[in-house]
Amino acid sequence: MLNDIFNNIAKCRYCDRSFCFDVAENKSSRRGLASSISATCKYCGSSHGSMTSNSVPAGYEVNLRLFMV
């Protein structure tokens, strides 16, 4: 589901293609409710990763909200 949503709103900045991303969670990077998500272009191989929550001294903020309109 996240893969479909991301592909409908994003375009690769390097090869300028749409509907080209594989979105995946890096399960080994889980820290409580925080996790690392990466989007990789199927055509040019460019990749971008991000944590779902910001790191704070006592752990992670849980601040990412996904919703459908």
PDB file of N, CA and C in Angstrom:
ATOM      1  N   MET A   1       0.812  -1.187   0.000  1.00  0.00           N
ATOM      2  CA  MET A   1       0.000   0.000   0.000  1.00  0.00           C
ATOM      3  C   MET A   1       0.863   1.262   0.000  1.00  0.00           C
ATOM      4  N   LEU A   2       1.890   1.298   0.856  1.00  0.00           N
ATOM      5  CA  LEU A   2       2.783   2.454   0.887  1.00  0.00           C
ATOM      6  C   LEU A   2       3.495   2.617  -0.450  1.00  0.00           C
ATOM      7  N   ASN A   3       3.865   1.501  -1.072  1.00  0.00           N
ATOM      8  CA  ASN A   3       4.510   1.532  -2.381  1.00  0.00           C
ATOM      9  C   ASN A   3       3.604   2.204  -3.419  1.00  0.00           C
ATOM     10  N   ASP A   4       2.324   1.852  -3.440  1.00  0.00           N
ATOM     11  CA  ASP A   4       1.370   2.441  -4.387  1.00  0.00           C
ATOM     12  C   ASP A   4       1.183   3.932  -4.141  1.00  0.00           C
ATOM     13  N   ILE A   5       1.035   4.321  -2.881  1.00  0.00           N
ATOM     14  CA  ILE A   5       0.857   5.738  -2.548  1.00  0.00           C
ATOM     15  C   ILE A   5       2.081   6.535  -2.980  1.00  0.00           C
ATOM     16  N   PHE A   6       3.269   6.044  -2.645  1.00  0.00           N
ATOM     17  CA  PHE A   6       4.505   6.754  -2.981  1.00  0.00           C
ATOM     18  C   PHE A   6       4.661   6.902  -4.490  1.00  0.00           C
ATOM     19  N   ASN A   7       4.371   5.844  -5.240  1.00  0.00           N
ATOM     20  CA  ASN A   7       4.512   5.904  -6.695  1.00  0.00           C
ATOM     21  C   ASN A   7       3.514   6.856  -7.343  1.00  0.00           C
ATOM     22  N   ASN A   8       2.364   7.077  -6.721  1.00  0.00           N
ATOM     23  CA  ASN A   8       1.380   8.007  -7.272  1.00  0.00           C
ATOM     24  C   ASN A   8       1.745   9.469  -7.056  1.00  0.00           C
ATOM     25  N   ILE A   9       2.589   9.768  -6.070  1.00  0.00           N
ATOM     26  CA  ILE A   9       2.891  11.172  -5.779  1.00  0.00           C
ATOM     27  C   ILE A   9       4.340  11.570  -6.054  1.00  0.00           C
ATOM     28  N   ALA A  10       5.221  10.616  -6.331  1.00  0.00           N
ATOM     29  CA  ALA A  10       6.646  10.928  -6.464  1.00  0.00           C
ATOM     30  C   ALA A  10       7.168  10.640  -7.866  1.00  0.00           C
ATOM     31  N   LYS A  11       8.233  11.373  -8.208  1.00  0.00           N
ATOM     32  CA  LYS A  11       8.917  11.187  -9.482  1.00  0.00           C
ATOM     33  C   LYS A  11      10.414  11.207  -9.195  1.00  0.00           C
ATOM     34  N   CYS A  12      11.179  10.350  -9.850  1.00  0.00           N
ATOM     35  CA  CYS A  12      12.623  10.280  -9.623  1.00  0.00           C
ATOM     36  C   CYS A  12      13.290  11.571 -10.085  1.00  0.00           C
ATOM     37  N   ARG A  13      14.087  12.166  -9.210  1.00  0.00           N
ATOM     38  CA  ARG A  13      14.746  13.419  -9.567  1.00  0.00           C
ATOM     39  C   ARG A  13      15.938  13.213 -10.503  1.00  0.00           C
ATOM     40  N   TYR A  14      16.416  11.981 -10.635  1.00  0.00           N
ATOM     41  CA  TYR A  14      17.589  11.726 -11.468  1.00  0.00           C
ATOM     42  C   TYR A  14      17.232  11.290 -12.887  1.00  0.00           C
ATOM     43  N   CYS A  15      16.234  10.407 -13.047  1.00  0.00           N
ATOM     44  CA  CYS A  15      15.870   9.956 -14.395  1.00  0.00           C
ATOM     45  C   CYS A  15      14.522  10.517 -14.846  1.00  0.00           C
ATOM     46  N   ASP A  16      13.838  11.278 -13.972  1.00  0.00           N
ATOM     47  CA  ASP A  16      12.589  11.981 -14.282  1.00  0.00           C
ATOM     48  C   ASP A  16      11.441  11.036 -14.647  1.00  0.00           C
ATOM     49  N   ARG A  17      11.460   9.813 -14.129  1.00  0.00           N
ATOM     50  CA  ARG A  17      10.377   8.860 -14.404  1.00  0.00           C
ATOM     51  C   ARG A  17       9.409   8.792 -13.231  1.00  0.00           C
ATOM     52  N   SER A  18       8.171   8.477 -13.555  1.00  0.00           N
ATOM     53  CA  SER A  18       7.137   8.281 -12.538  1.00  0.00           C
ATOM     54  C   SER A  18       6.838   6.791 -12.406  1.00  0.00           C
ATOM     55  N   PHE A  19       6.182   6.407 -11.333  1.00  0.00           N
ATOM     56  CA  PHE A  19       5.795   5.010 -11.080  1.00  0.00           C
ATOM     57  C   PHE A  19       6.993   4.068 -11.185  1.00  0.00           C
ATOM     58  N   CYS A  20       8.110   4.458 -10.560  1.00  0.00           N
ATOM     59  CA  CYS A  20       9.348   3.700 -10.731  1.00  0.00           C
ATOM     60  C   CYS A  20       9.982   3.258  -9.412  1.00  0.00           C
ATOM     61  N   PHE A  21       9.328   3.472  -8.284  1.00  0.00           N
ATOM     62  CA  PHE A  21       9.973   3.227  -6.997  1.00  0.00           C
ATOM     63  C   PHE A  21       9.567   1.913  -6.349  1.00  0.00           C
ATOM     64  N   ASP A  22      10.548   1.305  -5.704  1.00  0.00           N
ATOM     65  CA  ASP A  22      10.310   0.207  -4.777  1.00  0.00           C
ATOM     66  C   ASP A  22      10.537   0.786  -3.388  1.00  0.00           C
ATOM     67  N   VAL A  23       9.531   0.752  -2.549  1.00  0.00           N
ATOM     68  CA  VAL A  23       9.624   1.275  -1.190  1.00  0.00           C
ATOM     69  C   VAL A  23       9.687   0.090  -0.239  1.00  0.00           C
ATOM     70  N   ALA A  24      10.689   0.103   0.646  1.00  0.00           N
ATOM     71  CA  ALA A  24      10.870  -1.028   1.553  1.00  0.00           C
ATOM     72  C   ALA A  24      11.352  -0.557   2.918  1.00  0.00           C
ATOM     73  N   GLU A  25      11.031  -1.348   3.917  1.00  0.00           N
ATOM     74  CA  GLU A  25      11.508  -1.089   5.274  1.00  0.00           C
ATOM     75  C   GLU A  25      12.770  -1.912   5.510  1.00  0.00           C
ATOM     76  N   ASN A  26      13.760  -1.300   6.134  1.00  0.00           N
ATOM     77  CA  ASN A  26      14.957  -2.026   6.544  1.00  0.00           C
ATOM     78  C   ASN A  26      14.679  -2.575   7.945  1.00  0.00           C
ATOM     79  N   LYS A  27      14.258  -3.824   8.022  1.00  0.00           N
ATOM     80  CA  LYS A  27      13.811  -4.399   9.298  1.00  0.00           C
ATOM     81  C   LYS A  27      14.910  -4.438  10.353  1.00  0.00           C
ATOM     82  N   SER A  28      16.160  -4.521   9.942  1.00  0.00           N
ATOM     83  CA  SER A  28      17.250  -4.562  10.924  1.00  0.00           C
ATOM     84  C   SER A  28      17.481  -3.201  11.577  1.00  0.00           C
ATOM     85  N   SER A  29      16.867  -2.146  11.044  1.00  0.00           N
ATOM     86  CA  SER A  29      17.062  -0.803  11.604  1.00  0.00           C
ATOM     87  C   SER A  29      15.953  -0.401  12.571  1.00  0.00           C
ATOM     88  N   ARG A  30      15.041  -1.291  12.891  1.00  0.00           N
ATOM     89  CA  ARG A  30      13.935  -0.954  13.798  1.00  0.00           C
ATOM     90  C   ARG A  30      14.459  -0.587  15.181  1.00  0.00           C
ATOM     91  N   ARG A  31      13.918   0.503  15.713  1.00  0.00           N
ATOM     92  CA  ARG A  31      14.235   0.960  17.062  1.00  0.00           C
ATOM     93  C   ARG A  31      12.913   1.296  17.742  1.00  0.00           C
ATOM     94  N   GLY A  32      12.279   0.331  18.373  1.00  0.00           N
ATOM     95  CA  GLY A  32      10.954   0.545  18.950  1.00  0.00           C
ATOM     96  C   GLY A  32       9.946   0.754  17.834  1.00  0.00           C
ATOM     97  N   LEU A  33       9.269   1.908  17.834  1.00  0.00           N
ATOM     98  CA  LEU A  33       8.309   2.215  16.777  1.00  0.00           C
ATOM     99  C   LEU A  33       8.957   2.879  15.570  1.00  0.00           C
ATOM    100  N   ALA A  34      10.219   3.281  15.687  1.00  0.00           N
ATOM    101  CA  ALA A  34      10.924   3.925  14.578  1.00  0.00           C
ATOM    102  C   ALA A  34      11.538   2.871  13.663  1.00  0.00           C
ATOM    103  N   SER A  35      11.578   3.186  12.374  1.00  0.00           N
ATOM    104  CA  SER A  35      12.133   2.262  11.400  1.00  0.00           C
ATOM    105  C   SER A  35      12.716   3.056  10.236  1.00  0.00           C
ATOM    106  N   SER A  36      13.580   2.437   9.475  1.00  0.00           N
ATOM    107  CA  SER A  36      14.159   3.070   8.294  1.00  0.00           C
ATOM    108  C   SER A  36      13.404   2.603   7.049  1.00  0.00           C
ATOM    109  N   ILE A  37      12.973   3.564   6.238  1.00  0.00           N
ATOM    110  CA  ILE A  37      12.261   3.283   4.991  1.00  0.00           C
ATOM    111  C   ILE A  37      13.134   3.791   3.846  1.00  0.00           C
ATOM    112  N   SER A  38      13.266   3.007   2.780  1.00  0.00           N
ATOM    113  CA  SER A  38      14.035   3.467   1.623  1.00  0.00           C
ATOM    114  C   SER A  38      13.203   3.340   0.349  1.00  0.00           C
ATOM    115  N   ALA A  39      13.409   4.296  -0.548  1.00  0.00           N
ATOM    116  CA  ALA A  39      12.763   4.284  -1.863  1.00  0.00           C
ATOM    117  C   ALA A  39      13.870   4.186  -2.904  1.00  0.00           C
ATOM    118  N   THR A  40      13.805   3.166  -3.766  1.00  0.00           N
ATOM    119  CA  THR A  40      14.823   2.930  -4.784  1.00  0.00           C
ATOM    120  C   THR A  40      14.178   2.940  -6.161  1.00  0.00           C
ATOM    121  N   CYS A  41      14.757   3.715  -7.090  1.00  0.00           N
ATOM    122  CA  CYS A  41      14.255   3.790  -8.458  1.00  0.00           C
ATOM    123  C   CYS A  41      14.598   2.498  -9.201  1.00  0.00           C
ATOM    124  N   LYS A  42      13.606   1.903  -9.848  1.00  0.00           N
ATOM    125  CA  LYS A  42      13.801   0.656 -10.596  1.00  0.00           C
ATOM    126  C   LYS A  42      14.649   0.862 -11.844  1.00  0.00           C
ATOM    127  N   TYR A  43      14.685   2.090 -12.371  1.00  0.00           N
ATOM    128  CA  TYR A  43      15.355   2.348 -13.641  1.00  0.00           C
ATOM    129  C   TYR A  43      16.800   2.809 -13.475  1.00  0.00           C
ATOM    130  N   CYS A  44      17.041   3.802 -12.618  1.00  0.00           N
ATOM    131  CA  CYS A  44      18.409   4.323 -12.512  1.00  0.00           C
ATOM    132  C   CYS A  44      19.124   3.865 -11.245  1.00  0.00           C
ATOM    133  N   GLY A  45      18.400   3.256 -10.304  1.00  0.00           N
ATOM    134  CA  GLY A  45      19.016   2.720  -9.101  1.00  0.00           C
ATOM    135  C   GLY A  45      19.248   3.725  -7.989  1.00  0.00           C
ATOM    136  N   SER A  46      18.856   4.981  -8.183  1.00  0.00           N
ATOM    137  CA  SER A  46      19.041   5.961  -7.111  1.00  0.00           C
ATOM    138  C   SER A  46      18.173   5.569  -5.922  1.00  0.00           C
ATOM    139  N   SER A  47      18.674   5.874  -4.738  1.00  0.00           N
ATOM    140  CA  SER A  47      17.982   5.449  -3.531  1.00  0.00           C
ATOM    141  C   SER A  47      18.023   6.551  -2.487  1.00  0.00           C
ATOM    142  N   HIS A  48      16.963   6.652  -1.698  1.00  0.00           N
ATOM    143  CA  HIS A  48      16.912   7.607  -0.598  1.00  0.00           C
ATOM    144  C   HIS A  48      16.262   6.921   0.586  1.00  0.00           C
ATOM    145  N   GLY A  49      16.880   7.048   1.735  1.00  0.00           N
ATOM    146  CA  GLY A  49      16.336   6.444   2.942  1.00  0.00           C
ATOM    147  C   GLY A  49      16.044   7.490   3.994  1.00  0.00           C
ATOM    148  N   SER A  50      15.126   7.159   4.887  1.00  0.00           N
ATOM    149  CA  SER A  50      14.757   8.076   5.955  1.00  0.00           C
ATOM    150  C   SER A  50      14.201   7.281   7.127  1.00  0.00           C
ATOM    151  N   MET A  51      14.426   7.793   8.330  1.00  0.00           N
ATOM    152  CA  MET A  51      13.817   7.203   9.518  1.00  0.00           C
ATOM    153  C   MET A  51      12.391   7.717   9.633  1.00  0.00           C
ATOM    154  N   THR A  52      11.486   6.893  10.127  1.00  0.00           N
ATOM    155  CA  THR A  52      10.087   7.298  10.269  1.00  0.00           C
ATOM    156  C   THR A  52       9.884   8.252  11.437  1.00  0.00           C
ATOM    157  N   SER A  53      10.845   8.323  12.353  1.00  0.00           N
ATOM    158  CA  SER A  53      10.771   9.225  13.503  1.00  0.00           C
ATOM    159  C   SER A  53      12.142   9.824  13.761  1.00  0.00           C
ATOM    160  N   ASN A  54      12.160  11.031  14.334  1.00  0.00           N
ATOM    161  CA  ASN A  54      13.422  11.689  14.674  1.00  0.00           C
ATOM    162  C   ASN A  54      14.016  11.088  15.939  1.00  0.00           C
ATOM    163  N   SER A  55      15.344  11.042  15.989  1.00  0.00           N
ATOM    164  CA  SER A  55      16.036  10.566  17.177  1.00  0.00           C
ATOM    165  C   SER A  55      16.078  11.690  18.214  1.00  0.00           C
ATOM    166  N   VAL A  56      15.752  11.368  19.448  1.00  0.00           N
ATOM    167  CA  VAL A  56      15.857  12.307  20.570  1.00  0.00           C
ATOM    168  C   VAL A  56      16.665  11.609  21.655  1.00  0.00           C
ATOM    169  N   PRO A  57      17.225  12.343  22.624  1.00  0.00           N
ATOM    170  CA  PRO A  57      18.102  11.710  23.613  1.00  0.00           C
ATOM    171  C   PRO A  57      17.507  10.494  24.330  1.00  0.00           C
ATOM    172  N   ALA A  58      16.217  10.485  24.585  1.00  0.00           N
ATOM    173  CA  ALA A  58      15.618   9.374  25.328  1.00  0.00           C
ATOM    174  C   ALA A  58      15.065   8.279  24.418  1.00  0.00           C
ATOM    175  N   GLY A  59      15.157   8.434  23.099  1.00  0.00           N
ATOM    176  CA  GLY A  59      14.620   7.428  22.180  1.00  0.00           C
ATOM    177  C   GLY A  59      14.272   8.034  20.843  1.00  0.00           C
ATOM    178  N   TYR A  60      13.038   7.857  20.388  1.00  0.00           N
ATOM    179  CA  TYR A  60      12.586   8.387  19.107  1.00  0.00           C
ATOM    180  C   TYR A  60      11.234   9.059  19.273  1.00  0.00           C
ATOM    181  N   GLU A  61      11.042  10.160  18.547  1.00  0.00           N
ATOM    182  CA  GLU A  61       9.723  10.778  18.470  1.00  0.00           C
ATOM    183  C   GLU A  61       8.868   9.933  17.538  1.00  0.00           C
ATOM    184  N   VAL A  62       7.628   9.775  17.834  1.00  0.00           N
ATOM    185  CA  VAL A  62       6.714   9.090  16.926  1.00  0.00           C
ATOM    186  C   VAL A  62       5.853  10.176  16.317  1.00  0.00           C
ATOM    187  N   ASN A  63       6.258  10.619  15.114  1.00  0.00           N
ATOM    188  CA  ASN A  63       5.625  11.807  14.564  1.00  0.00           C
ATOM    189  C   ASN A  63       5.238  11.672  13.103  1.00  0.00           C
ATOM    190  N   LEU A  64       5.453  10.537  12.479  1.00  0.00           N
ATOM    191  CA  LEU A  64       5.090  10.367  11.078  1.00  0.00           C
ATOM    192  C   LEU A  64       3.654   9.890  10.992  1.00  0.00           C
ATOM    193  N   ARG A  65       2.857  10.607  10.222  1.00  0.00           N
ATOM    194  CA  ARG A  65       1.451  10.230  10.075  1.00  0.00           C
ATOM    195  C   ARG A  65       1.145  10.039   8.604  1.00  0.00           C
ATOM    196  N   LEU A  66       0.623   8.895   8.252  1.00  0.00           N
ATOM    197  CA  LEU A  66       0.188   8.632   6.888  1.00  0.00           C
ATOM    198  C   LEU A  66      -1.327   8.590   6.890  1.00  0.00           C
ATOM    199  N   PHE A  67      -1.930   9.242   5.934  1.00  0.00           N
ATOM    200  CA  PHE A  67      -3.382   9.235   5.870  1.00  0.00           C
ATOM    201  C   PHE A  67      -3.816   9.296   4.424  1.00  0.00           C
ATOM    202  N   MET A  68      -5.035   8.877   4.166  1.00  0.00           N
ATOM    203  CA  MET A  68      -5.592   8.917   2.817  1.00  0.00           C
ATOM    204  C   MET A  68      -6.770   9.869   2.815  1.00  0.00           C
ATOM    205  N   VAL A  69      -6.889  10.615   1.745  1.00  0.00           N
ATOM    206  CA  VAL A  69      -8.003  11.560   1.613  1.00  0.00           C
ATOM    207  C   VAL A  69      -9.050  10.963   0.716  1.00  0.00           C
TER     208      VAL A  69
END
